[in-house]
Amino acid sequence: MTNYTISIFTMNTVGLLNRITIIFTRRRVNIESLTVSETERKGVSRFTIVIKQENREFVEKLVRQIRKVTDVLAVFGYLDDEIVFNEIGLFKIATPLGGTPVDVKTINLDWNAKIVHFGLDYVVVEKNGSEEEIQEFYTYLKKWEILEYVKSGRVAVGKTEKGLVEFLPEEGNWEIV
């Protein structure tokens, strides 16, 4: 299975997430990751959706279907080598008195992660990177008791020279935030 990242630029309207995800549901496509955020243009949101699929033509058809949704401004499908992407993992690690101390130096230097919060009997560690890098770090942290773990969806930008503004429809006053 190949990872495809679908970037969808939309107007910021209520109910749009449902209208987009129903396209995946109807086609029985599992969404591996979903991130929605504002963009550098006022009133424009960006959906970043990751799916696994064998058939590129199927993904292209999915992209064409998403383009038909009202309030969708632009849609692009990418393979991993066509984008720059990252995810973030947060780990709450138990550090009770008398327990094995967390090796801050190894976490910082070897894993390129950082401690973002010190509690009385826990620390919160942040790791940025690919899904595989975060999973490897998770495995490393199993030496300690992991109280909580959460991972974001993928955030990505295309490796093209053009930015979002190049793909927005001509009409519209796209103010920079």
Protein backbone atom coordinates (compact mmCIF):
# COMPACT_ATOMS: atom_id res chain seq x y z
CA MET A 1 0.00 0.00 0.00
CA THR A 2 1.19 3.48 -0.87
CA ASN A 3 0.68 6.57 1.28
CA TYR A 4 -1.13 9.43 -0.44
CA THR A 5 -1.44 12.86 1.15
CA ILE A 6 -4.43 14.84 -0.04
CA SER A 7 -4.31 18.60 0.57
CA ILE A 8 -7.66 20.34 0.37
CA PHE A 9 -7.99 24.13 0.50
CA THR A 10 -11.46 25.27 1.50
CA MET A 11 -13.53 28.16 2.70
CA ASN A 12 -13.85 28.00 6.47
CA THR A 13 -17.49 26.84 6.69
CA VAL A 14 -19.46 24.77 9.17
CA GLY A 15 -20.20 21.18 8.11
CA LEU A 16 -17.53 21.00 5.43
CA LEU A 17 -15.53 18.35 7.29
CA ASN A 18 -18.55 16.06 7.20
CA ARG A 19 -19.13 16.66 3.48
CA ILE A 20 -15.51 15.79 2.72
CA THR A 21 -15.18 12.73 4.96
CA ILE A 22 -18.43 11.23 3.62
CA ILE A 23 -16.67 10.92 0.24
CA PHE A 24 -14.12 8.60 1.88
CA THR A 25 -16.77 6.70 3.84
CA ARG A 26 -18.88 5.98 0.77
CA ARG A 27 -15.85 4.52 -0.99
CA ARG A 28 -14.82 2.53 2.09
CA VAL A 29 -11.48 4.35 2.36
CA ASN A 30 -9.92 4.54 5.81
CA ILE A 31 -8.41 7.91 6.72
CA GLU A 32 -5.03 7.25 8.38
CA SER A 33 -4.50 10.86 9.43
CA LEU A 34 -6.54 14.07 9.29
CA THR A 35 -5.37 17.55 10.18
CA VAL A 36 -7.27 20.79 9.63
CA SER A 37 -5.73 24.20 10.10
CA GLU A 38 -5.93 27.78 8.99
CA THR A 39 -3.66 28.96 6.19
CA GLU A 40 -1.80 32.17 5.45
CA ARG A 41 -4.98 33.44 3.76
CA LYS A 42 -7.84 34.77 5.87
CA GLY A 43 -10.93 32.53 5.71
CA VAL A 44 -9.11 29.65 3.97
CA SER A 45 -8.58 26.31 5.75
CA ARG A 46 -6.35 23.41 4.78
CA PHE A 47 -7.31 19.78 5.27
CA THR A 48 -4.38 17.34 5.15
CA ILE A 49 -5.64 13.78 4.78
CA VAL A 50 -3.45 10.68 4.56
CA ILE A 51 -4.77 7.46 3.06
CA LYS A 52 -3.18 4.17 2.05
CA GLN A 53 -4.14 2.97 -1.41
CA GLU A 54 -2.72 0.68 -4.09
CA ASN A 55 -4.42 2.27 -7.08
CA ARG A 56 -3.31 5.79 -8.09
CA GLU A 57 -6.26 6.11 -10.50
CA PHE A 58 -8.61 5.51 -7.56
CA VAL A 59 -6.93 8.37 -5.65
CA GLU A 60 -7.14 10.66 -8.68
CA LYS A 61 -10.87 9.90 -8.96
CA LEU A 62 -11.27 10.64 -5.22
CA VAL A 63 -9.50 14.00 -5.69
CA ARG A 64 -11.79 14.88 -8.62
CA GLN A 65 -14.84 14.03 -6.48
CA ILE A 66 -13.61 16.26 -3.62
CA ARG A 67 -13.14 19.16 -6.06
CA LYS A 68 -16.91 19.07 -6.72
CA VAL A 69 -17.78 19.85 -3.07
CA THR A 70 -19.11 23.38 -2.54
CA ASP A 71 -16.60 25.62 -0.71
CA VAL A 72 -13.60 23.52 -1.82
CA LEU A 73 -11.14 25.86 -3.55
CA ALA A 74 -8.37 23.45 -4.58
CA VAL A 75 -7.38 19.79 -4.04
CA PHE A 76 -4.03 18.07 -4.62
CA GLY A 77 -2.88 14.48 -4.16
CA TYR A 78 0.77 13.79 -3.33
CA LEU A 79 3.08 10.84 -2.87
CA ASP A 80 5.51 11.05 0.08
CA ASP A 81 8.47 12.08 -2.09
CA GLU A 82 6.51 15.06 -3.46
CA ILE A 83 6.02 16.78 -0.09
CA VAL A 84 7.77 17.86 3.08
CA PHE A 85 5.85 16.48 6.05
CA ASN A 86 6.01 15.96 9.79
CA GLU A 87 3.98 14.74 12.73
CA ILE A 88 4.27 15.42 16.44
CA GLY A 89 4.08 12.97 19.32
CA LEU A 90 3.56 13.89 22.96
CA PHE A 91 4.49 11.37 25.65
CA LYS A 92 3.66 11.68 29.35
CA ILE A 93 6.27 9.58 31.16
CA ALA A 94 6.10 8.55 34.82
CA THR A 95 9.08 9.72 36.89
CA PRO A 96 8.24 8.64 40.45
CA LEU A 97 10.71 9.16 43.29
CA GLY A 98 13.07 6.21 43.38
CA GLY A 99 12.23 5.22 39.81
CA THR A 100 14.53 5.15 36.81
CA PRO A 101 15.32 8.76 35.88
CA VAL A 102 14.61 9.95 32.36
CA ASP A 103 17.82 10.37 30.33
CA VAL A 104 17.36 13.96 29.19
CA LYS A 105 20.67 14.08 27.31
CA THR A 106 19.83 10.99 25.23
CA ILE A 107 16.31 12.26 24.56
CA ASN A 108 17.63 15.63 23.39
CA LEU A 109 20.75 14.64 21.46
CA ASP A 110 20.15 11.11 20.19
CA TRP A 111 16.40 11.33 19.56
CA ASN A 112 16.11 15.04 18.74
CA ALA A 113 13.19 15.31 21.15
CA LYS A 114 12.62 17.69 24.04
CA ILE A 115 11.02 17.77 27.43
CA VAL A 116 8.28 20.39 27.30
CA HIS A 117 6.89 20.00 30.84
CA PHE A 118 8.20 18.81 34.20
CA GLY A 119 5.58 17.64 36.68
CA LEU A 120 6.15 16.34 40.21
CA ASP A 121 6.12 12.70 39.15
CA TYR A 122 6.04 12.86 35.35
CA VAL A 123 7.52 14.64 32.35
CA VAL A 124 6.00 15.41 28.96
CA VAL A 125 8.29 14.78 26.00
CA GLU A 126 7.70 16.11 22.48
CA LYS A 127 9.05 14.35 19.39
CA ASN A 128 8.66 15.70 15.85
CA GLY A 129 9.30 13.60 12.78
CA SER A 130 7.90 10.94 10.51
CA GLU A 131 5.43 8.33 11.71
CA GLU A 132 8.29 5.79 11.77
CA GLU A 133 10.59 8.06 13.82
CA ILE A 134 7.87 8.68 16.38
CA GLN A 135 7.13 4.94 16.60
CA GLU A 136 10.82 4.16 17.15
CA PHE A 137 10.94 6.80 19.90
CA TYR A 138 7.82 5.26 21.47
CA THR A 139 9.62 1.91 21.58
CA TYR A 140 12.63 3.56 23.26
CA LEU A 141 10.40 5.18 25.90
CA LYS A 142 8.85 1.85 26.91
CA LYS A 143 11.66 1.55 29.50
CA TRP A 144 9.59 3.98 31.52
CA GLU A 145 5.90 3.87 32.24
CA ILE A 146 4.11 5.77 29.48
CA LEU A 147 1.10 7.39 31.15
CA GLU A 148 -0.25 9.00 28.00
CA TYR A 149 0.65 9.12 24.33
CA VAL A 150 -0.90 11.18 21.55
CA LYS A 151 0.22 11.76 17.97
CA SER A 152 -0.94 14.46 15.62
CA GLY A 153 -1.95 13.97 12.06
CA ARG A 154 0.44 14.79 9.26
CA VAL A 155 1.16 18.36 8.29
CA ALA A 156 2.65 18.81 4.84
CA VAL A 157 3.60 21.29 2.16
CA GLY A 158 4.33 20.53 -1.47
CA LYS A 159 7.87 20.66 -2.83
CA THR A 160 6.69 22.98 -5.61
CA GLU A 161 7.90 26.55 -5.89
CA LYS A 162 4.33 27.85 -5.90
CA GLY A 163 2.40 28.55 -2.75
CA LEU A 164 -1.30 28.40 -1.93
CA VAL A 165 -2.11 31.76 -3.51
CA GLU A 166 -1.16 30.44 -6.96
CA PHE A 167 -4.00 27.91 -6.82
CA LEU A 168 -6.83 29.96 -5.35
CA PRO A 169 -9.60 31.07 -7.70
CA GLU A 170 -9.13 34.53 -9.23
CA GLU A 171 -12.25 35.89 -7.54
CA GLY A 172 -11.97 36.62 -3.86
CA ASN A 173 -10.00 39.05 -1.79
CA TRP A 174 -7.40 36.69 -0.26
CA GLU A 175 -6.02 38.77 2.57
CA ILE A 176 -2.78 37.58 4.19
CA VAL A 177 -3.25 36.93 7.90
